[in-house]
């Protein structure tokens, strides 16, 4: 694989992990004091980061459909054939 592509892939993946760790630390420190809106934001960010990581980890080829299932919900991603 092109070294530049591999470098940016690793940088993006590591940044996602960094943000996931930051979110977990915030939750551990503030779990009892989070307002409803903050809890909702936390949930959305957590799912978005996990989904981003899962998409990076899976091969996406035309015609493939992936289902991502999480504790708080799921989503599907389908890659269409290029025509």
PDB file of N, CA and C in Angstrom:
ATOM      1  N   UNK A   1       0.849  -1.184   0.000  1.00  0.00           N
ATOM      2  CA  UNK A   1       0.000   0.000   0.000  1.00  0.00           C
ATOM      3  C   UNK A   1       0.890   1.241   0.000  1.00  0.00           C
ATOM      4  N   UNK A   2       0.416   2.271  -0.640  1.00  0.00           N
ATOM      5  CA  UNK A   2       1.131   3.535  -0.694  1.00  0.00           C
ATOM      6  C   UNK A   2       1.438   4.012   0.718  1.00  0.00           C
ATOM      7  N   UNK A   3       2.680   4.362   0.974  1.00  0.00           N
ATOM      8  CA  UNK A   3       3.114   4.761   2.311  1.00  0.00           C
ATOM      9  C   UNK A   3       2.348   5.978   2.822  1.00  0.00           C
ATOM     10  N   UNK A   4       2.045   6.951   1.939  1.00  0.00           N
ATOM     11  CA  UNK A   4       1.283   8.128   2.352  1.00  0.00           C
ATOM     12  C   UNK A   4      -0.121   7.734   2.806  1.00  0.00           C
ATOM     13  N   UNK A   5      -0.748   6.832   2.101  1.00  0.00           N
ATOM     14  CA  UNK A   5      -2.093   6.365   2.455  1.00  0.00           C
ATOM     15  C   UNK A   5      -2.047   5.650   3.795  1.00  0.00           C
ATOM     16  N   UNK A   6      -1.076   4.783   3.988  1.00  0.00           N
ATOM     17  CA  UNK A   6      -0.939   4.049   5.247  1.00  0.00           C
ATOM     18  C   UNK A   6      -0.693   5.007   6.412  1.00  0.00           C
ATOM     19  N   UNK A   7       0.104   6.023   6.189  1.00  0.00           N
ATOM     20  CA  UNK A   7       0.408   7.000   7.236  1.00  0.00           C
ATOM     21  C   UNK A   7      -0.845   7.756   7.661  1.00  0.00           C
ATOM     22  N   UNK A   8      -1.633   8.230   6.701  1.00  0.00           N
ATOM     23  CA  UNK A   8      -2.846   8.981   7.052  1.00  0.00           C
ATOM     24  C   UNK A   8      -3.893   8.060   7.665  1.00  0.00           C
ATOM     25  N   UNK A   9      -3.971   6.806   7.190  1.00  0.00           N
ATOM     26  CA  UNK A   9      -4.892   5.832   7.780  1.00  0.00           C
ATOM     27  C   UNK A   9      -4.574   5.651   9.264  1.00  0.00           C
ATOM     28  N   UNK A  10      -3.321   5.421   9.578  1.00  0.00           N
ATOM     29  CA  UNK A  10      -2.917   5.221  10.976  1.00  0.00           C
ATOM     30  C   UNK A  10      -3.166   6.470  11.809  1.00  0.00           C
ATOM     31  N   UNK A  11      -2.927   7.643  11.238  1.00  0.00           N
ATOM     32  CA  UNK A  11      -3.155   8.893  11.965  1.00  0.00           C
ATOM     33  C   UNK A  11      -4.636   9.070  12.288  1.00  0.00           C
ATOM     34  N   UNK A  12      -5.493   8.802  11.320  1.00  0.00           N
ATOM     35  CA  UNK A  12      -6.939   8.926  11.546  1.00  0.00           C
ATOM     36  C   UNK A  12      -7.401   7.904  12.577  1.00  0.00           C
ATOM     37  N   UNK A  13      -6.961   6.669  12.422  1.00  0.00           N
ATOM     38  CA  UNK A  13      -7.352   5.608  13.354  1.00  0.00           C
ATOM     39  C   UNK A  13      -6.912   5.940  14.778  1.00  0.00           C
ATOM     40  N   UNK A  14      -5.685   6.399  14.924  1.00  0.00           N
ATOM     41  CA  UNK A  14      -5.184   6.751  16.254  1.00  0.00           C
ATOM     42  C   UNK A  14      -5.904   7.950  16.844  1.00  0.00           C
ATOM     43  N   UNK A  15      -6.299   8.897  16.007  1.00  0.00           N
ATOM     44  CA  UNK A  15      -7.048  10.050  16.497  1.00  0.00           C
ATOM     45  C   UNK A  15      -8.428   9.613  17.000  1.00  0.00           C
ATOM     46  N   UNK A  16      -9.063   8.689  16.305  1.00  0.00           N
ATOM     47  CA  UNK A  16     -10.346   8.150  16.767  1.00  0.00           C
ATOM     48  C   UNK A  16     -10.168   7.497  18.133  1.00  0.00           C
ATOM     49  N   UNK A  17      -9.131   6.669  18.280  1.00  0.00           N
ATOM     50  CA  UNK A  17      -8.864   6.026  19.572  1.00  0.00           C
ATOM     51  C   UNK A  17      -8.624   7.066  20.662  1.00  0.00           C
ATOM     52  N   UNK A  18      -7.890   8.115  20.326  1.00  0.00           N
ATOM     53  CA  UNK A  18      -7.617   9.189  21.279  1.00  0.00           C
ATOM     54  C   UNK A  18      -8.927   9.830  21.750  1.00  0.00           C
ATOM     55  N   UNK A  19      -9.805  10.157  20.814  1.00  0.00           N
ATOM     56  CA  UNK A  19     -11.083  10.772  21.184  1.00  0.00           C
ATOM     57  C   UNK A  19     -11.968   9.813  21.981  1.00  0.00           C
ATOM     58  N   UNK A  20     -11.939   8.530  21.643  1.00  0.00           N
ATOM     59  CA  UNK A  20     -12.695   7.558  22.430  1.00  0.00           C
ATOM     60  C   UNK A  20     -12.192   7.517  23.864  1.00  0.00           C
ATOM     61  N   UNK A  21     -10.888   7.539  24.043  1.00  0.00           N
ATOM     62  CA  UNK A  21     -10.320   7.536  25.388  1.00  0.00           C
ATOM     63  C   UNK A  21     -10.674   8.810  26.146  1.00  0.00           C
ATOM     64  N   UNK A  22     -10.662   9.949  25.459  1.00  0.00           N
ATOM     65  CA  UNK A  22     -11.043  11.205  26.098  1.00  0.00           C
ATOM     66  C   UNK A  22     -12.500  11.159  26.564  1.00  0.00           C
ATOM     67  N   UNK A  23     -13.380  10.646  25.714  1.00  0.00           N
ATOM     68  CA  UNK A  23     -14.795  10.545  26.090  1.00  0.00           C
ATOM     69  C   UNK A  23     -14.982   9.657  27.310  1.00  0.00           C
ATOM     70  N   UNK A  24     -14.301   8.520  27.331  1.00  0.00           N
ATOM     71  CA  UNK A  24     -14.415   7.611  28.468  1.00  0.00           C
ATOM     72  C   UNK A  24     -13.928   8.264  29.758  1.00  0.00           C
ATOM     73  N   UNK A  25     -12.841   9.017  29.664  1.00  0.00           N
ATOM     74  CA  UNK A  25     -12.313   9.710  30.844  1.00  0.00           C
ATOM     75  C   UNK A  25     -13.316  10.748  31.344  1.00  0.00           C
ATOM     76  N   UNK A  26     -13.911  11.482  30.427  1.00  0.00           N
ATOM     77  CA  UNK A  26     -14.917  12.482  30.806  1.00  0.00           C
ATOM     78  C   UNK A  26     -16.106  11.803  31.468  1.00  0.00           C
ATOM     79  N   UNK A  27     -16.553  10.688  30.908  1.00  0.00           N
ATOM     80  CA  UNK A  27     -17.688   9.976  31.486  1.00  0.00           C
ATOM     81  C   UNK A  27     -17.358   9.466  32.883  1.00  0.00           C
ATOM     82  N   UNK A  28     -16.171   8.916  33.060  1.00  0.00           N
ATOM     83  CA  UNK A  28     -15.773   8.407  34.379  1.00  0.00           C
ATOM     84  C   UNK A  28     -15.733   9.518  35.421  1.00  0.00           C
ATOM     85  N   UNK A  29     -15.271  10.686  35.036  1.00  0.00           N
ATOM     86  CA  UNK A  29     -15.151  11.800  35.970  1.00  0.00           C
ATOM     87  C   UNK A  29     -16.486  12.497  36.248  1.00  0.00           C
ATOM     88  N   UNK A  30     -17.423  12.420  35.295  1.00  0.00           N
ATOM     89  CA  UNK A  30     -18.641  13.219  35.395  1.00  0.00           C
ATOM     90  C   UNK A  30     -19.934  12.426  35.250  1.00  0.00           C
ATOM     91  N   UNK A  31     -19.873  11.119  35.359  1.00  0.00           N
ATOM     92  CA  UNK A  31     -21.052  10.303  35.074  1.00  0.00           C
ATOM     93  C   UNK A  31     -22.257  10.667  35.941  1.00  0.00           C
ATOM     94  N   UNK A  32     -22.018  11.105  37.159  1.00  0.00           N
ATOM     95  CA  UNK A  32     -23.128  11.442  38.061  1.00  0.00           C
ATOM     96  C   UNK A  32     -23.682  12.840  37.826  1.00  0.00           C
ATOM     97  N   UNK A  33     -22.937  13.685  37.136  1.00  0.00           N
ATOM     98  CA  UNK A  33     -23.352  15.078  36.998  1.00  0.00           C
ATOM     99  C   UNK A  33     -23.742  15.477  35.583  1.00  0.00           C
ATOM    100  N   UNK A  34     -23.693  14.550  34.620  1.00  0.00           N
ATOM    101  CA  UNK A  34     -24.050  14.886  33.247  1.00  0.00           C
ATOM    102  C   UNK A  34     -25.540  15.185  33.133  1.00  0.00           C
ATOM    103  N   UNK A  35     -25.837  16.290  32.488  1.00  0.00           N
ATOM    104  CA  UNK A  35     -27.224  16.644  32.209  1.00  0.00           C
ATOM    105  C   UNK A  35     -27.726  15.766  31.059  1.00  0.00           C
ATOM    106  N   UNK A  36     -29.021  15.742  30.851  1.00  0.00           N
ATOM    107  CA  UNK A  36     -29.616  14.904  29.809  1.00  0.00           C
ATOM    108  C   UNK A  36     -29.046  15.250  28.428  1.00  0.00           C
ATOM    109  N   UNK A  37     -28.905  16.528  28.146  1.00  0.00           N
ATOM    110  CA  UNK A  37     -28.367  16.955  26.854  1.00  0.00           C
ATOM    111  C   UNK A  37     -26.913  16.516  26.694  1.00  0.00           C
ATOM    112  N   UNK A  38     -26.131  16.599  27.752  1.00  0.00           N
ATOM    113  CA  UNK A  38     -24.735  16.173  27.703  1.00  0.00           C
ATOM    114  C   UNK A  38     -24.630  14.663  27.513  1.00  0.00           C
ATOM    115  N   UNK A  39     -25.515  13.915  28.157  1.00  0.00           N
ATOM    116  CA  UNK A  39     -25.526  12.459  27.999  1.00  0.00           C
ATOM    117  C   UNK A  39     -25.865  12.081  26.561  1.00  0.00           C
ATOM    118  N   UNK A  40     -26.818  12.812  25.966  1.00  0.00           N
ATOM    119  CA  UNK A  40     -27.183  12.573  24.570  1.00  0.00           C
ATOM    120  C   UNK A  40     -25.998  12.880  23.651  1.00  0.00           C
ATOM    121  N   UNK A  41     -25.310  13.984  23.893  1.00  0.00           N
ATOM    122  CA  UNK A  41     -24.129  14.320  23.096  1.00  0.00           C
ATOM    123  C   UNK A  41     -23.052  13.252  23.249  1.00  0.00           C
ATOM    124  N   UNK A  42     -22.842  12.805  24.470  1.00  0.00           N
ATOM    125  CA  UNK A  42     -21.866  11.747  24.715  1.00  0.00           C
ATOM    126  C   UNK A  42     -22.226  10.501  23.904  1.00  0.00           C
ATOM    127  N   UNK A  43     -23.487  10.093  23.951  1.00  0.00           N
ATOM    128  CA  UNK A  43     -23.916   8.900  23.222  1.00  0.00           C
ATOM    129  C   UNK A  43     -23.685   9.040  21.724  1.00  0.00           C
ATOM    130  N   UNK A  44     -24.033  10.202  21.167  1.00  0.00           N
ATOM    131  CA  UNK A  44     -23.849  10.422  19.731  1.00  0.00           C
ATOM    132  C   UNK A  44     -22.376  10.409  19.349  1.00  0.00           C
ATOM    133  N   UNK A  45     -21.555  11.073  20.133  1.00  0.00           N
ATOM    134  CA  UNK A  45     -20.121  11.080  19.830  1.00  0.00           C
ATOM    135  C   UNK A  45     -19.535   9.685  19.945  1.00  0.00           C
ATOM    136  N   UNK A  46     -19.941   8.948  20.962  1.00  0.00           N
ATOM    137  CA  UNK A  46     -19.429   7.598  21.172  1.00  0.00           C
ATOM    138  C   UNK A  46     -19.782   6.687  20.002  1.00  0.00           C
ATOM    139  N   UNK A  47     -21.040   6.734  19.561  1.00  0.00           N
ATOM    140  CA  UNK A  47     -21.472   5.908  18.428  1.00  0.00           C
ATOM    141  C   UNK A  47     -20.766   6.340  17.151  1.00  0.00           C
ATOM    142  N   UNK A  48     -20.638   7.648  16.928  1.00  0.00           N
ATOM    143  CA  UNK A  48     -19.979   8.149  15.714  1.00  0.00           C
ATOM    144  C   UNK A  48     -18.517   7.707  15.658  1.00  0.00           C
ATOM    145  N   UNK A  49     -17.825   7.794  16.777  1.00  0.00           N
ATOM    146  CA  UNK A  49     -16.426   7.377  16.797  1.00  0.00           C
ATOM    147  C   UNK A  49     -16.287   5.880  16.582  1.00  0.00           C
ATOM    148  N   UNK A  50     -17.137   5.094  17.238  1.00  0.00           N
ATOM    149  CA  UNK A  50     -17.063   3.647  17.064  1.00  0.00           C
ATOM    150  C   UNK A  50     -17.400   3.254  15.632  1.00  0.00           C
ATOM    151  N   UNK A  51     -18.416   3.897  15.056  1.00  0.00           N
ATOM    152  CA  UNK A  51     -18.781   3.603  13.675  1.00  0.00           C
ATOM    153  C   UNK A  51     -17.650   3.971  12.723  1.00  0.00           C
ATOM    154  N   UNK A  52     -17.014   5.108  12.964  1.00  0.00           N
ATOM    155  CA  UNK A  52     -15.871   5.510  12.127  1.00  0.00           C
ATOM    156  C   UNK A  52     -14.768   4.471  12.183  1.00  0.00           C
ATOM    157  N   UNK A  53     -14.469   4.006  13.380  1.00  0.00           N
ATOM    158  CA  UNK A  53     -13.425   2.992  13.546  1.00  0.00           C
ATOM    159  C   UNK A  53     -13.829   1.689  12.848  1.00  0.00           C
ATOM    160  N   UNK A  54     -15.081   1.294  13.003  1.00  0.00           N
ATOM    161  CA  UNK A  54     -15.549   0.060  12.370  1.00  0.00           C
ATOM    162  C   UNK A  54     -15.488   0.148  10.848  1.00  0.00           C
ATOM    163  N   UNK A  55     -15.835   1.310  10.300  1.00  0.00           N
ATOM    164  CA  UNK A  55     -15.769   1.481   8.849  1.00  0.00           C
ATOM    165  C   UNK A  55     -14.322   1.395   8.375  1.00  0.00           C
ATOM    166  N   UNK A  56     -13.401   1.994   9.102  1.00  0.00           N
ATOM    167  CA  UNK A  56     -11.989   1.912   8.726  1.00  0.00           C
ATOM    168  C   UNK A  56     -11.477   0.475   8.774  1.00  0.00           C
ATOM    169  N   UNK A  57     -11.997  -0.322   9.693  1.00  0.00           N
ATOM    170  CA  UNK A  57     -11.507  -1.691   9.882  1.00  0.00           C
ATOM    171  C   UNK A  57     -12.089  -2.695   8.896  1.00  0.00           C
ATOM    172  N   UNK A  58     -13.143  -2.336   8.178  1.00  0.00           N
ATOM    173  CA  UNK A  58     -13.825  -3.289   7.302  1.00  0.00           C
ATOM    174  C   UNK A  58     -13.625  -2.934   5.839  1.00  0.00           C
ATOM    175  N   UNK A  59     -13.475  -3.974   5.030  1.00  0.00           N
ATOM    176  CA  UNK A  59     -13.326  -3.797   3.588  1.00  0.00           C
ATOM    177  C   UNK A  59     -14.686  -3.417   3.011  1.00  0.00           C
ATOM    178  N   UNK A  60     -14.709  -2.327   2.271  1.00  0.00           N
ATOM    179  CA  UNK A  60     -15.943  -1.877   1.638  1.00  0.00           C
ATOM    180  C   UNK A  60     -15.816  -2.091   0.140  1.00  0.00           C
ATOM    181  N   UNK A  61     -16.511  -3.094  -0.351  1.00  0.00           N
ATOM    182  CA  UNK A  61     -16.486  -3.384  -1.778  1.00  0.00           C
ATOM    183  C   UNK A  61     -17.896  -3.233  -2.331  1.00  0.00           C
ATOM    184  N   UNK A  62     -18.016  -2.901  -3.621  1.00  0.00           N
ATOM    185  CA  UNK A  62     -19.346  -2.737  -4.215  1.00  0.00           C
ATOM    186  C   UNK A  62     -20.208  -3.972  -3.984  1.00  0.00           C
ATOM    187  N   UNK A  63     -21.451  -3.727  -3.619  1.00  0.00           N
ATOM    188  CA  UNK A  63     -22.400  -4.801  -3.371  1.00  0.00           C
ATOM    189  C   UNK A  63     -22.380  -5.341  -1.956  1.00  0.00           C
ATOM    190  N   UNK A  64     -21.451  -4.883  -1.135  1.00  0.00           N
ATOM    191  CA  UNK A  64     -21.344  -5.371   0.234  1.00  0.00           C
ATOM    192  C   UNK A  64     -22.217  -4.534   1.160  1.00  0.00           C
ATOM    193  N   UNK A  65     -22.860  -5.203   2.091  1.00  0.00           N
ATOM    194  CA  UNK A  65     -23.682  -4.532   3.089  1.00  0.00           C
ATOM    195  C   UNK A  65     -23.154  -4.903   4.472  1.00  0.00           C
ATOM    196  N   UNK A  66     -22.902  -3.886   5.289  1.00  0.00           N
ATOM    197  CA  UNK A  66     -22.405  -4.099   6.644  1.00  0.00           C
ATOM    198  C   UNK A  66     -23.453  -3.615   7.639  1.00  0.00           C
ATOM    199  N   UNK A  67     -23.651  -4.397   8.680  1.00  0.00           N
ATOM    200  CA  UNK A  67     -24.519  -3.998   9.781  1.00  0.00           C
ATOM    201  C   UNK A  67     -23.646  -3.773  11.003  1.00  0.00           C
ATOM    202  N   UNK A  68     -23.768  -2.597  11.575  1.00  0.00           N
ATOM    203  CA  UNK A  68     -23.020  -2.256  12.777  1.00  0.00           C
ATOM    204  C   UNK A  68     -24.008  -2.215  13.930  1.00  0.00           C
ATOM    205  N   UNK A  69     -23.807  -3.087  14.902  1.00  0.00           N
ATOM    206  CA  UNK A  69     -24.733  -3.214  16.027  1.00  0.00           C
ATOM    207  C   UNK A  69     -24.022  -2.784  17.297  1.00  0.00           C
ATOM    208  N   UNK A  70     -24.649  -1.830  17.982  1.00  0.00           N
ATOM    209  CA  UNK A  70     -24.090  -1.288  19.214  1.00  0.00           C
ATOM    210  C   UNK A  70     -25.125  -1.408  20.322  1.00  0.00           C
ATOM    211  N   UNK A  71     -24.693  -1.178  21.525  1.00  0.00           N
ATOM    212  CA  UNK A  71     -25.584  -1.275  22.678  1.00  0.00           C
ATOM    213  C   UNK A  71     -26.800  -0.352  22.533  1.00  0.00           C
ATOM    214  N   UNK A  72     -26.596   0.828  21.990  1.00  0.00           N
ATOM    215  CA  UNK A  72     -27.662   1.828  21.917  1.00  0.00           C
ATOM    216  C   UNK A  72     -28.357   1.877  20.560  1.00  0.00           C
ATOM    217  N   UNK A  73     -27.981   1.019  19.625  1.00  0.00           N
ATOM    218  CA  UNK A  73     -28.628   1.027  18.319  1.00  0.00           C
ATOM    219  C   UNK A  73     -27.774   0.360  17.266  1.00  0.00           C
ATOM    220  N   UNK A  74     -28.221   0.454  16.031  1.00  0.00           N
ATOM    221  CA  UNK A  74     -27.483  -0.129  14.919  1.00  0.00           C
ATOM    222  C   UNK A  74     -27.699   0.704  13.673  1.00  0.00           C
ATOM    223  N   UNK A  75     -26.804   0.517  12.716  1.00  0.00           N
ATOM    224  CA  UNK A  75     -27.020   1.101  11.406  1.00  0.00           C
ATOM    225  C   UNK A  75     -26.408   0.184  10.364  1.00  0.00           C
ATOM    226  N   UNK A  76     -26.869   0.344   9.133  1.00  0.00           N
ATOM    227  CA  UNK A  76     -26.391  -0.462   8.019  1.00  0.00           C
ATOM    228  C   UNK A  76     -25.727   0.442   6.998  1.00  0.00           C
ATOM    229  N   UNK A  77     -24.725  -0.094   6.354  1.00  0.00           N
ATOM    230  CA  UNK A  77     -24.021   0.616   5.299  1.00  0.00           C
ATOM    231  C   UNK A  77     -23.943  -0.325   4.111  1.00  0.00           C
ATOM    232  N   UNK A  78     -24.419   0.144   2.966  1.00  0.00           N
ATOM    233  CA  UNK A  78     -24.382  -0.679   1.765  1.00  0.00           C
ATOM    234  C   UNK A  78     -23.629   0.075   0.679  1.00  0.00           C
ATOM    235  N   UNK A  79     -22.652  -0.579   0.118  1.00  0.00           N
ATOM    236  CA  UNK A  79     -21.871   0.014  -0.962  1.00  0.00           C
ATOM    237  C   UNK A  79     -22.502  -0.386  -2.286  1.00  0.00           C
ATOM    238  N   UNK A  80     -22.861   0.594  -3.098  1.00  0.00           N
ATOM    239  CA  UNK A  80     -23.488   0.333  -4.392  1.00  0.00           C
ATOM    240  C   UNK A  80     -22.416   0.105  -5.459  1.00  0.00           C
ATOM    241  N   UNK A  81     -22.787  -0.685  -6.468  1.00  0.00           N
ATOM    242  CA  UNK A  81     -21.906  -0.893  -7.608  1.00  0.00           C
ATOM    243  C   UNK A  81     -21.800   0.414  -8.368  1.00  0.00           C
ATOM    244  N   UNK A  82     -20.600   0.714  -8.843  1.00  0.00           N
ATOM    245  CA  UNK A  82     -20.407   1.914  -9.646  1.00  0.00           C
ATOM    246  C   UNK A  82     -20.794   1.575 -11.083  1.00  0.00           C
ATOM    247  N   UNK A  83     -21.775   2.303 -11.601  1.00  0.00           N
ATOM    248  CA  UNK A  83     -22.218   2.063 -12.996  1.00  0.00           C
ATOM    249  C   UNK A  83     -22.508   3.352 -13.652  1.00  0.00           C
TER     250      UNK A  83
END
